[in-house]
Amino acid sequence: MKPLPIFLATLLVAVPTFAGPRTSANYTVLTDTTGTGGKRTTSAAYTNTGSAGGIAGTSTVAAPAETAKAGFIAQLTEPTGLALNAAPLTVNETATRQLGAFLTLDDDTFTAIPAGSVAWSTVSGPLTLAGTGIATGGVVYQNTAATAQGIHLGFTGTLGLTVLDTIADNFGTYAADGLGDDWQVQYFGENNPLAAPAVDADADGNNNLFEFTAGLVPTSNGSRFAMRVDPAPASAIKKLIVFSPIVAGRTYTVEFRTSLTSGNWAPLTTFTQSDAGNERTVTDTAGGGAQKFYRVNVSKP
């Protein structure tokens, strides 16, 4: 009787191969695992993205934001929309800002696309868009909202920007006349000849340049800068120089001279001052003796 042959079988067990997560200041790589192969499946509770087998993992970079999926089936994705961006979301008037565009994908990632492949246009506001995605701010008299639009592969994206009023005196017919454009538009509208510096629009004896400098309302003859000189109570050597209104952003300097018709005006140096509402009182502590004439110099930086 022949002996029976003995067969030895070796059982091979596949042990998953993986590496731990790695991070740095610039990137994050999640734990790599052995992919089992397969395609994306979803339900109300979960989403599973299958790989082609082998080592699979997801790597992300914060800035610029990118996601790479190693080992997945050709990293197939479907675009779902177009997102536009700029950093920051402002553009100075007459200056430029490069806009960027990204396709959003069905796996909640996105991919950058060349700005030149996007059809750019302006939806609203003082903004000009070039074919390369360069936005140019128009001339404005105040910070003004604008909206840019891009179209790519049938998807449309919009981006809100703010054109900043960085040049105070360059708007329309008001340009380079010494008055703030926003002030002129506020009281006179755009391109009104009554807003010119030398015009006294409200016939109160003060031209627009003075009223702008003093912070007055140029369309109301009841809005005036007033000054008076009073004797100080119980003092023969003090004088009170009282004036109003005082307005934020202005500098007020009391000046004097001893002759009304000759001599130079000099800043008052011997004084104290106090404010009550929009009225200021400057006390000349050496106001006795020789006669003095006073004036208030108002300046706006």
C-alpha atoms as a PDB file:
ATOM      1  CA  MET A   1       0.000   0.000   0.000  1.00  0.00           C
ATOM      2  CA  LYS A   2       1.428   3.276  -1.126  1.00  0.00           C
ATOM      3  CA  PRO A   3       1.753   6.050   1.444  1.00  0.00           C
ATOM      4  CA  LEU A   4      -0.691   8.969   1.023  1.00  0.00           C
ATOM      5  CA  PRO A   5       0.873  12.246  -0.185  1.00  0.00           C
ATOM      6  CA  ILE A   6       0.893  15.067   2.284  1.00  0.00           C
ATOM      7  CA  PHE A   7      -0.017  18.573   1.021  1.00  0.00           C
ATOM      8  CA  LEU A   8       1.049  21.657   2.917  1.00  0.00           C
ATOM      9  CA  ALA A   9      -0.922  24.846   2.463  1.00  0.00           C
ATOM     10  CA  THR A  10       0.304  28.272   3.441  1.00  0.00           C
ATOM     11  CA  LEU A  11      -2.253  30.844   4.436  1.00  0.00           C
ATOM     12  CA  LEU A  12      -1.179  34.371   3.508  1.00  0.00           C
ATOM     13  CA  VAL A  13      -2.781  37.158   5.476  1.00  0.00           C
ATOM     14  CA  ALA A  14      -2.738  40.658   3.973  1.00  0.00           C
ATOM     15  CA  VAL A  15      -1.857  43.152   6.624  1.00  0.00           C
ATOM     16  CA  PRO A  16      -2.965  46.741   5.892  1.00  0.00           C
ATOM     17  CA  THR A  17      -0.065  49.047   5.249  1.00  0.00           C
ATOM     18  CA  PHE A  18      -0.358  52.592   6.419  1.00  0.00           C
ATOM     19  CA  ALA A  19       1.565  55.599   7.648  1.00  0.00           C
ATOM     20  CA  GLY A  20       0.530  57.988  10.386  1.00  0.00           C
ATOM     21  CA  PRO A  21      -0.652  61.529   9.714  1.00  0.00           C
ATOM     22  CA  ARG A  22       2.028  64.130   8.968  1.00  0.00           C
ATOM     23  CA  THR A  23       1.696  67.877   9.343  1.00  0.00           C
ATOM     24  CA  SER A  24       3.785  71.004   8.992  1.00  0.00           C
ATOM     25  CA  ALA A  25       3.148  74.712   8.896  1.00  0.00           C
ATOM     26  CA  ASN A  26       2.297  74.407   5.189  1.00  0.00           C
ATOM     27  CA  TYR A  27       0.487  71.075   4.690  1.00  0.00           C
ATOM     28  CA  THR A  28      -1.442  68.212   6.268  1.00  0.00           C
ATOM     29  CA  VAL A  29      -1.319  64.569   5.116  1.00  0.00           C
ATOM     30  CA  LEU A  30      -3.963  62.341   6.676  1.00  0.00           C
ATOM     31  CA  THR A  31      -3.339  58.684   7.586  1.00  0.00           C
ATOM     32  CA  ASP A  32      -2.676  56.548   4.501  1.00  0.00           C
ATOM     33  CA  THR A  33      -4.483  53.195   4.316  1.00  0.00           C
ATOM     34  CA  THR A  34      -4.600  50.218   1.996  1.00  0.00           C
ATOM     35  CA  GLY A  35      -7.380  50.878  -0.465  1.00  0.00           C
ATOM     36  CA  THR A  36      -9.761  48.022  -1.267  1.00  0.00           C
ATOM     37  CA  GLY A  37     -10.749  49.346  -4.671  1.00  0.00           C
ATOM     38  CA  GLY A  38     -14.159  50.553  -5.684  1.00  0.00           C
ATOM     39  CA  LYS A  39     -16.083  53.685  -6.531  1.00  0.00           C
ATOM     40  CA  ARG A  40     -17.865  56.344  -4.510  1.00  0.00           C
ATOM     41  CA  THR A  41     -21.003  55.222  -2.737  1.00  0.00           C
ATOM     42  CA  THR A  42     -23.265  57.445  -0.714  1.00  0.00           C
ATOM     43  CA  SER A  43     -26.274  57.344   1.545  1.00  0.00           C
ATOM     44  CA  ALA A  44     -27.990  59.761   3.858  1.00  0.00           C
ATOM     45  CA  ALA A  45     -25.524  58.864   6.598  1.00  0.00           C
ATOM     46  CA  TYR A  46     -22.160  58.422   4.874  1.00  0.00           C
ATOM     47  CA  THR A  47     -20.009  58.895   1.790  1.00  0.00           C
ATOM     48  CA  ASN A  48     -17.312  56.418   0.725  1.00  0.00           C
ATOM     49  CA  THR A  49     -14.768  57.230  -1.969  1.00  0.00           C
ATOM     50  CA  GLY A  50     -13.219  54.026  -3.317  1.00  0.00           C
ATOM     51  CA  SER A  51      -9.668  53.679  -4.568  1.00  0.00           C
ATOM     52  CA  ALA A  52      -7.985  51.505  -7.157  1.00  0.00           C
ATOM     53  CA  GLY A  53      -6.188  49.556  -4.438  1.00  0.00           C
ATOM     54  CA  GLY A  54      -2.792  50.235  -2.953  1.00  0.00           C
ATOM     55  CA  ILE A  55      -1.892  53.093  -0.661  1.00  0.00           C
ATOM     56  CA  ALA A  56      -4.442  55.877  -0.619  1.00  0.00           C
ATOM     57  CA  GLY A  57      -4.559  59.100   1.323  1.00  0.00           C
ATOM     58  CA  THR A  58      -5.602  62.759   1.231  1.00  0.00           C
ATOM     59  CA  SER A  59      -3.191  65.683   1.373  1.00  0.00           C
ATOM     60  CA  THR A  60      -4.272  69.281   1.934  1.00  0.00           C
ATOM     61  CA  VAL A  61      -2.590  72.689   1.800  1.00  0.00           C
ATOM     62  CA  ALA A  62      -4.161  75.687   3.529  1.00  0.00           C
ATOM     63  CA  ALA A  63      -2.861  78.503   1.325  1.00  0.00           C
ATOM     64  CA  PRO A  64      -3.376  78.332  -1.535  1.00  0.00           C
ATOM     65  CA  ALA A  65      -6.144  75.884  -0.658  1.00  0.00           C
ATOM     66  CA  GLU A  66      -5.559  72.585  -2.491  1.00  0.00           C
ATOM     67  CA  THR A  67      -6.467  68.958  -1.932  1.00  0.00           C
ATOM     68  CA  ALA A  68      -4.706  65.928  -3.476  1.00  0.00           C
ATOM     69  CA  LYS A  69      -6.005  62.358  -3.221  1.00  0.00           C
ATOM     70  CA  ALA A  70      -3.256  59.782  -3.706  1.00  0.00           C
ATOM     71  CA  GLY A  71      -4.272  56.328  -4.905  1.00  0.00           C
ATOM     72  CA  PHE A  72      -7.840  57.153  -5.853  1.00  0.00           C
ATOM     73  CA  ILE A  73      -9.291  56.220  -9.205  1.00  0.00           C
ATOM     74  CA  ALA A  74      -7.789  58.962 -11.381  1.00  0.00           C
ATOM     75  CA  GLN A  75      -9.141  61.405  -8.808  1.00  0.00           C
ATOM     76  CA  LEU A  76     -12.214  61.814 -10.956  1.00  0.00           C
ATOM     77  CA  THR A  77     -14.389  64.800 -10.061  1.00  0.00           C
ATOM     78  CA  GLU A  78     -17.277  66.697 -11.531  1.00  0.00           C
ATOM     79  CA  PRO A  79     -17.393  70.522 -11.489  1.00  0.00           C
ATOM     80  CA  THR A  80     -20.431  71.954  -9.760  1.00  0.00           C
ATOM     81  CA  GLY A  81     -19.857  75.687  -9.746  1.00  0.00           C
ATOM     82  CA  LEU A  82     -17.474  78.631 -10.080  1.00  0.00           C
ATOM     83  CA  ALA A  83     -16.044  80.603  -7.167  1.00  0.00           C
ATOM     84  CA  LEU A  84     -14.215  83.929  -7.487  1.00  0.00           C
ATOM     85  CA  ASN A  85     -11.815  85.468  -4.994  1.00  0.00           C
ATOM     86  CA  ALA A  86      -9.440  88.371  -4.354  1.00  0.00           C
ATOM     87  CA  ALA A  87      -7.206  89.261  -1.445  1.00  0.00           C
ATOM     88  CA  PRO A  88      -8.195  91.657  -0.015  1.00  0.00           C
ATOM     89  CA  LEU A  89     -11.725  92.304  -1.265  1.00  0.00           C
ATOM     90  CA  THR A  90     -10.915  95.957  -1.992  1.00  0.00           C
ATOM     91  CA  VAL A  91      -9.368  97.931  -4.821  1.00  0.00           C
ATOM     92  CA  ASN A  92      -8.144 101.515  -4.581  1.00  0.00           C
ATOM     93  CA  GLU A  93      -9.648 103.970  -7.042  1.00  0.00           C
ATOM     94  CA  THR A  94      -7.606 104.099 -10.293  1.00  0.00           C
ATOM     95  CA  ALA A  95      -5.587 101.067  -9.049  1.00  0.00           C
ATOM     96  CA  THR A  96      -5.866  97.356  -9.915  1.00  0.00           C
ATOM     97  CA  ARG A  97      -6.538  94.043  -8.185  1.00  0.00           C
ATOM     98  CA  GLN A  98      -5.973  90.555  -9.637  1.00  0.00           C
ATOM     99  CA  LEU A  99      -9.033  88.312  -9.321  1.00  0.00           C
ATOM    100  CA  GLY A 100      -8.836  84.537  -9.102  1.00  0.00           C
ATOM    101  CA  ALA A 101     -11.232  81.766 -10.114  1.00  0.00           C
ATOM    102  CA  PHE A 102     -11.817  78.208  -8.867  1.00  0.00           C
ATOM    103  CA  LEU A 103     -14.063  75.402 -10.008  1.00  0.00           C
ATOM    104  CA  THR A 104     -15.918  73.841  -7.101  1.00  0.00           C
ATOM    105  CA  LEU A 105     -16.076  70.049  -7.397  1.00  0.00           C
ATOM    106  CA  ASP A 106     -18.535  67.383  -6.329  1.00  0.00           C
ATOM    107  CA  ASP A 107     -16.162  65.986  -3.698  1.00  0.00           C
ATOM    108  CA  ASP A 108     -16.233  69.274  -1.775  1.00  0.00           C
ATOM    109  CA  THR A 109     -12.842  70.361  -3.110  1.00  0.00           C
ATOM    110  CA  PHE A 110     -11.986  72.941  -5.716  1.00  0.00           C
ATOM    111  CA  THR A 111      -9.307  73.542  -8.288  1.00  0.00           C
ATOM    112  CA  ALA A 112      -7.752  76.778  -9.490  1.00  0.00           C
ATOM    113  CA  ILE A 113      -8.230  77.711 -13.140  1.00  0.00           C
ATOM    114  CA  PRO A 114      -6.337  80.293 -15.191  1.00  0.00           C
ATOM    115  CA  ALA A 115      -7.921  83.732 -14.869  1.00  0.00           C
ATOM    116  CA  GLY A 116      -7.544  84.169 -18.630  1.00  0.00           C
ATOM    117  CA  SER A 117      -9.948  81.274 -19.275  1.00  0.00           C
ATOM    118  CA  VAL A 118     -12.802  83.101 -17.535  1.00  0.00           C
ATOM    119  CA  ALA A 119     -15.170  85.527 -19.251  1.00  0.00           C
ATOM    120  CA  TRP A 120     -15.074  88.541 -16.920  1.00  0.00           C
ATOM    121  CA  SER A 121     -17.591  91.376 -16.698  1.00  0.00           C
ATOM    122  CA  THR A 122     -18.853  94.048 -14.294  1.00  0.00           C
ATOM    123  CA  VAL A 123     -22.287  93.540 -12.773  1.00  0.00           C
ATOM    124  CA  SER A 124     -22.394  96.858 -10.902  1.00  0.00           C
ATOM    125  CA  GLY A 125     -20.249  99.625  -9.483  1.00  0.00           C
ATOM    126  CA  PRO A 126     -17.226 101.658 -10.639  1.00  0.00           C
ATOM    127  CA  LEU A 127     -15.153  98.686 -11.811  1.00  0.00           C
ATOM    128  CA  THR A 128     -13.526  97.664 -15.100  1.00  0.00           C
ATOM    129  CA  LEU A 129     -12.598  94.015 -15.736  1.00  0.00           C
ATOM    130  CA  ALA A 130      -9.890  92.903 -18.160  1.00  0.00           C
ATOM    131  CA  GLY A 131      -9.830  89.491 -19.838  1.00  0.00           C
ATOM    132  CA  THR A 132      -7.016  88.405 -17.552  1.00  0.00           C
ATOM    133  CA  GLY A 133      -9.107  88.975 -14.420  1.00  0.00           C
ATOM    134  CA  ILE A 134      -7.526  92.314 -13.506  1.00  0.00           C
ATOM    135  CA  ALA A 135     -10.046  94.671 -11.892  1.00  0.00           C
ATOM    136  CA  THR A 136      -9.476  98.436 -12.097  1.00  0.00           C
ATOM    137  CA  GLY A 137     -11.245 100.753  -9.664  1.00  0.00           C
ATOM    138  CA  GLY A 138     -12.971 103.800 -11.069  1.00  0.00           C
ATOM    139  CA  VAL A 139     -12.764 107.327  -9.664  1.00  0.00           C
ATOM    140  CA  VAL A 140     -15.095 107.659  -6.664  1.00  0.00           C
ATOM    141  CA  TYR A 141     -15.952 110.337  -4.097  1.00  0.00           C
ATOM    142  CA  GLN A 142     -16.624 107.791  -1.328  1.00  0.00           C
ATOM    143  CA  ASN A 143     -16.047 104.065  -0.711  1.00  0.00           C
ATOM    144  CA  THR A 144     -18.337 102.363  -3.210  1.00  0.00           C
ATOM    145  CA  ALA A 145     -19.537  98.762  -3.597  1.00  0.00           C
ATOM    146  CA  ALA A 146     -18.977  96.915  -6.880  1.00  0.00           C
ATOM    147  CA  THR A 147     -19.673  93.399  -8.167  1.00  0.00           C
ATOM    148  CA  ALA A 148     -17.516  91.402 -10.584  1.00  0.00           C
ATOM    149  CA  GLN A 149     -18.757  88.382 -12.556  1.00  0.00           C
ATOM    150  CA  GLY A 150     -16.987  85.436 -14.170  1.00  0.00           C
ATOM    151  CA  ILE A 151     -18.275  82.689 -16.476  1.00  0.00           C
ATOM    152  CA  HIS A 152     -16.447  79.411 -17.175  1.00  0.00           C
ATOM    153  CA  LEU A 153     -17.745  76.088 -18.576  1.00  0.00           C
ATOM    154  CA  GLY A 154     -21.279  77.356 -18.224  1.00  0.00           C
ATOM    155  CA  PHE A 155     -20.879  78.193 -14.533  1.00  0.00           C
ATOM    156  CA  THR A 156     -21.271  81.763 -13.253  1.00  0.00           C
ATOM    157  CA  GLY A 157     -19.666  83.231 -10.165  1.00  0.00           C
ATOM    158  CA  THR A 158     -19.859  86.710  -8.647  1.00  0.00           C
ATOM    159  CA  LEU A 159     -17.619  88.574  -6.228  1.00  0.00           C
ATOM    160  CA  GLY A 160     -18.381  91.669  -4.172  1.00  0.00           C
ATOM    161  CA  LEU A 161     -15.604  94.270  -3.941  1.00  0.00           C
ATOM    162  CA  THR A 162     -15.261  97.754  -2.459  1.00  0.00           C
ATOM    163  CA  VAL A 163     -13.640 100.557  -4.466  1.00  0.00           C
ATOM    164  CA  LEU A 164     -11.871 102.724  -1.889  1.00  0.00           C
ATOM    165  CA  ASP A 165     -11.858 106.519  -2.043  1.00  0.00           C
ATOM    166  CA  THR A 166      -8.104 106.929  -1.568  1.00  0.00           C
ATOM    167  CA  ILE A 167      -7.768 110.275  -3.396  1.00  0.00           C
ATOM    168  CA  ALA A 168      -9.834 112.992  -1.708  1.00  0.00           C
ATOM    169  CA  ASP A 169      -9.902 115.540  -4.523  1.00  0.00           C
ATOM    170  CA  ASN A 170     -10.126 113.921  -7.971  1.00  0.00           C
ATOM    171  CA  PHE A 171     -13.810 113.450  -8.799  1.00  0.00           C
ATOM    172  CA  GLY A 172     -15.347 114.938 -11.960  1.00  0.00           C
ATOM    173  CA  THR A 173     -15.387 118.734 -12.186  1.00  0.00           C
ATOM    174  CA  TYR A 174     -14.464 118.899  -8.484  1.00  0.00           C
ATOM    175  CA  ALA A 175     -10.998 117.470  -9.068  1.00  0.00           C
ATOM    176  CA  ALA A 176      -8.001 119.418  -7.698  1.00  0.00           C
ATOM    177  CA  ASP A 177     -10.046 122.377  -6.399  1.00  0.00           C
ATOM    178  CA  GLY A 178      -8.951 122.097  -2.747  1.00  0.00           C
ATOM    179  CA  LEU A 179     -12.281 120.812  -1.427  1.00  0.00           C
ATOM    180  CA  GLY A 180     -13.156 117.264  -0.452  1.00  0.00           C
ATOM    181  CA  ASP A 181     -15.166 115.545  -3.183  1.00  0.00           C
ATOM    182  CA  ASP A 182     -17.402 113.775  -0.670  1.00  0.00           C
ATOM    183  CA  TRP A 183     -18.282 117.116   0.974  1.00  0.00           C
ATOM    184  CA  GLN A 184     -19.126 118.738  -2.363  1.00  0.00           C
ATOM    185  CA  VAL A 185     -21.310 115.826  -3.497  1.00  0.00           C
ATOM    186  CA  GLN A 186     -23.015 115.703  -0.092  1.00  0.00           C
ATOM    187  CA  TYR A 187     -24.200 119.299  -0.309  1.00  0.00           C
ATOM    188  CA  PHE A 188     -24.316 120.049  -4.063  1.00  0.00           C
ATOM    189  CA  GLY A 189     -24.587 116.733  -5.894  1.00  0.00           C
ATOM    190  CA  GLU A 190     -22.227 115.851  -8.714  1.00  0.00           C
ATOM    191  CA  ASN A 191     -20.533 118.414 -10.975  1.00  0.00           C
ATOM    192  CA  ASN A 192     -22.477 121.462  -9.700  1.00  0.00           C
ATOM    193  CA  PRO A 193     -20.812 124.846 -10.402  1.00  0.00           C
ATOM    194  CA  LEU A 194     -22.222 126.193  -7.120  1.00  0.00           C
ATOM    195  CA  ALA A 195     -19.738 123.895  -5.306  1.00  0.00           C
ATOM    196  CA  ALA A 196     -16.687 125.802  -6.557  1.00  0.00           C
ATOM    197  CA  PRO A 197     -14.317 127.042  -3.801  1.00  0.00           C
ATOM    198  CA  ALA A 198     -14.820 130.769  -4.395  1.00  0.00           C
ATOM    199  CA  VAL A 199     -18.630 130.631  -4.560  1.00  0.00           C
ATOM    200  CA  ASP A 200     -20.755 131.783  -1.619  1.00  0.00           C
ATOM    201  CA  ALA A 201     -23.707 129.507  -2.365  1.00  0.00           C
ATOM    202  CA  ASP A 202     -25.819 130.527   0.647  1.00  0.00           C
ATOM    203  CA  ALA A 203     -24.919 134.243   0.576  1.00  0.00           C
ATOM    204  CA  ASP A 204     -23.745 134.358   4.185  1.00  0.00           C
ATOM    205  CA  GLY A 205     -20.460 136.146   3.448  1.00  0.00           C
ATOM    206  CA  ASN A 206     -18.297 133.014   3.541  1.00  0.00           C
ATOM    207  CA  ASN A 207     -17.230 131.125   0.430  1.00  0.00           C
ATOM    208  CA  ASN A 208     -17.270 127.345   0.094  1.00  0.00           C
ATOM    209  CA  LEU A 209     -13.552 127.021   0.799  1.00  0.00           C
ATOM    210  CA  PHE A 210     -13.979 128.648   4.221  1.00  0.00           C
ATOM    211  CA  GLU A 211     -17.140 126.695   5.007  1.00  0.00           C
ATOM    212  CA  PHE A 212     -15.441 123.416   4.074  1.00  0.00           C
ATOM    213  CA  THR A 213     -12.437 124.275   6.236  1.00  0.00           C
ATOM    214  CA  ALA A 214     -14.566 125.374   9.192  1.00  0.00           C
ATOM    215  CA  GLY A 215     -16.940 122.401   8.919  1.00  0.00           C
ATOM    216  CA  LEU A 216     -20.020 124.503   8.116  1.00  0.00           C
ATOM    217  CA  VAL A 217     -23.054 123.779   5.960  1.00  0.00           C
ATOM    218  CA  PRO A 218     -22.524 125.691   2.690  1.00  0.00           C
ATOM    219  CA  THR A 219     -26.205 125.661   1.726  1.00  0.00           C
ATOM    220  CA  SER A 220     -27.499 127.273   4.938  1.00  0.00           C
ATOM    221  CA  ASN A 221     -26.831 130.914   5.784  1.00  0.00           C
ATOM    222  CA  GLY A 222     -27.648 130.066   9.384  1.00  0.00           C
ATOM    223  CA  SER A 223     -24.533 127.930   9.589  1.00  0.00           C
ATOM    224  CA  ARG A 224     -21.789 130.428  10.445  1.00  0.00           C
ATOM    225  CA  PHE A 225     -18.547 130.674  12.353  1.00  0.00           C
ATOM    226  CA  ALA A 226     -18.973 133.226  15.157  1.00  0.00           C
ATOM    227  CA  MET A 227     -16.405 134.905  17.395  1.00  0.00           C
ATOM    228  CA  ARG A 228     -16.540 137.547  20.122  1.00  0.00           C
ATOM    229  CA  VAL A 229     -14.224 139.065  22.728  1.00  0.00           C
ATOM    230  CA  ASP A 230     -15.536 139.488  26.281  1.00  0.00           C
ATOM    231  CA  PRO A 231     -13.932 140.944  29.419  1.00  0.00           C
ATOM    232  CA  ALA A 232     -13.064 138.338  32.005  1.00  0.00           C
ATOM    233  CA  PRO A 233     -15.132 138.569  35.202  1.00  0.00           C
ATOM    234  CA  ALA A 234     -13.274 140.194  38.097  1.00  0.00           C
ATOM    235  CA  SER A 235     -10.096 140.674  36.064  1.00  0.00           C
ATOM    236  CA  ALA A 236      -8.702 143.730  34.339  1.00  0.00           C
ATOM    237  CA  ILE A 237      -5.872 141.880  32.599  1.00  0.00           C
ATOM    238  CA  LYS A 238      -7.740 138.961  31.054  1.00  0.00           C
ATOM    239  CA  LYS A 239      -9.811 138.775  27.895  1.00  0.00           C
ATOM    240  CA  LEU A 240     -12.116 135.966  26.758  1.00  0.00           C
ATOM    241  CA  ILE A 241     -12.067 134.980  23.070  1.00  0.00           C
ATOM    242  CA  VAL A 242     -15.223 132.917  22.512  1.00  0.00           C
ATOM    243  CA  PHE A 243     -15.919 131.163  19.202  1.00  0.00           C
ATOM    244  CA  SER A 244     -18.051 128.409  17.685  1.00  0.00           C
ATOM    245  CA  PRO A 245     -18.682 125.945  16.249  1.00  0.00           C
ATOM    246  CA  ILE A 246     -15.675 123.774  16.964  1.00  0.00           C
ATOM    247  CA  VAL A 247     -15.640 120.707  14.711  1.00  0.00           C
ATOM    248  CA  ALA A 248     -13.660 117.473  14.936  1.00  0.00           C
ATOM    249  CA  GLY A 249     -10.679 117.284  12.626  1.00  0.00           C
ATOM    250  CA  ARG A 250      -9.972 121.029  12.694  1.00  0.00           C
ATOM    251  CA  THR A 251      -7.247 123.015  14.417  1.00  0.00           C
ATOM    252  CA  TYR A 252      -8.074 126.398  15.975  1.00  0.00           C
ATOM    253  CA  THR A 253      -5.326 128.919  16.674  1.00  0.00           C
ATOM    254  CA  VAL A 254      -6.077 132.279  18.286  1.00  0.00           C
ATOM    255  CA  GLU A 255      -3.813 135.006  16.874  1.00  0.00           C
ATOM    256  CA  PHE A 256      -3.352 138.659  17.824  1.00  0.00           C
ATOM    257  CA  ARG A 257      -1.647 141.902  16.927  1.00  0.00           C
ATOM    258  CA  THR A 258      -1.638 145.330  18.528  1.00  0.00           C
ATOM    259  CA  SER A 259      -2.633 147.309  15.428  1.00  0.00           C
ATOM    260  CA  LEU A 260      -5.648 146.691  13.266  1.00  0.00           C
ATOM    261  CA  THR A 261      -3.965 147.966  10.093  1.00  0.00           C
ATOM    262  CA  SER A 262      -0.321 146.978  10.433  1.00  0.00           C
ATOM    263  CA  GLY A 263       1.995 144.419  11.953  1.00  0.00           C
ATOM    264  CA  ASN A 264       2.053 140.626  11.762  1.00  0.00           C
ATOM    265  CA  TRP A 265      -0.447 138.286  13.340  1.00  0.00           C
ATOM    266  CA  ALA A 266       1.176 136.108  15.991  1.00  0.00           C
ATOM    267  CA  PRO A 267      -0.171 133.063  17.833  1.00  0.00           C
ATOM    268  CA  LEU A 268      -1.422 133.761  21.330  1.00  0.00           C
ATOM    269  CA  THR A 269       0.934 132.113  23.840  1.00  0.00           C
ATOM    270  CA  THR A 270      -0.395 133.238  27.225  1.00  0.00           C
ATOM    271  CA  PHE A 271      -3.783 131.549  27.454  1.00  0.00           C
ATOM    272  CA  THR A 272      -5.998 128.846  28.900  1.00  0.00           C
ATOM    273  CA  GLN A 273      -8.993 127.289  27.187  1.00  0.00           C
ATOM    274  CA  SER A 274     -12.171 125.353  27.895  1.00  0.00           C
ATOM    275  CA  ASP A 275     -14.987 123.884  25.807  1.00  0.00           C
ATOM    276  CA  ALA A 276     -18.736 123.807  26.368  1.00  0.00           C
ATOM    277  CA  GLY A 277     -20.504 121.799  23.695  1.00  0.00           C
ATOM    278  CA  ASN A 278     -19.362 123.150  20.332  1.00  0.00           C
ATOM    279  CA  GLU A 279     -18.196 126.467  21.828  1.00  0.00           C
ATOM    280  CA  ARG A 280     -14.631 127.164  22.902  1.00  0.00           C
ATOM    281  CA  THR A 281     -13.416 129.891  25.240  1.00  0.00           C
ATOM    282  CA  VAL A 282      -9.764 130.936  25.092  1.00  0.00           C
ATOM    283  CA  THR A 283      -8.652 133.194  27.954  1.00  0.00           C
ATOM    284  CA  ASP A 284      -5.824 135.598  27.160  1.00  0.00           C
ATOM    285  CA  THR A 285      -4.141 135.804  30.571  1.00  0.00           C
ATOM    286  CA  ALA A 286      -2.134 138.846  29.459  1.00  0.00           C
ATOM    287  CA  GLY A 287      -4.929 140.768  27.819  1.00  0.00           C
ATOM    288  CA  GLY A 288      -4.486 143.999  29.774  1.00  0.00           C
ATOM    289  CA  GLY A 289      -2.291 146.968  28.922  1.00  0.00           C
ATOM    290  CA  ALA A 290      -1.787 147.725  25.234  1.00  0.00           C
ATOM    291  CA  GLN A 291      -4.732 147.144  22.923  1.00  0.00           C
ATOM    292  CA  LYS A 292      -4.993 143.806  21.168  1.00  0.00           C
ATOM    293  CA  PHE A 293      -6.914 142.616  18.164  1.00  0.00           C
ATOM    294  CA  TYR A 294      -7.772 138.934  17.834  1.00  0.00           C
ATOM    295  CA  ARG A 295      -8.656 136.485  15.116  1.00  0.00           C
ATOM    296  CA  VAL A 296      -9.090 132.696  14.961  1.00  0.00           C
ATOM    297  CA  ASN A 297      -7.184 130.735  12.345  1.00  0.00           C
ATOM    298  CA  VAL A 298      -9.057 127.562  11.377  1.00  0.00           C
ATOM    299  CA  SER A 299      -7.172 124.840   9.522  1.00  0.00           C
ATOM    300  CA  LYS A 300      -8.038 121.349   8.331  1.00  0.00           C
ATOM    301  CA  PRO A 301      -5.155 118.899   7.859  1.00  0.00           C
END
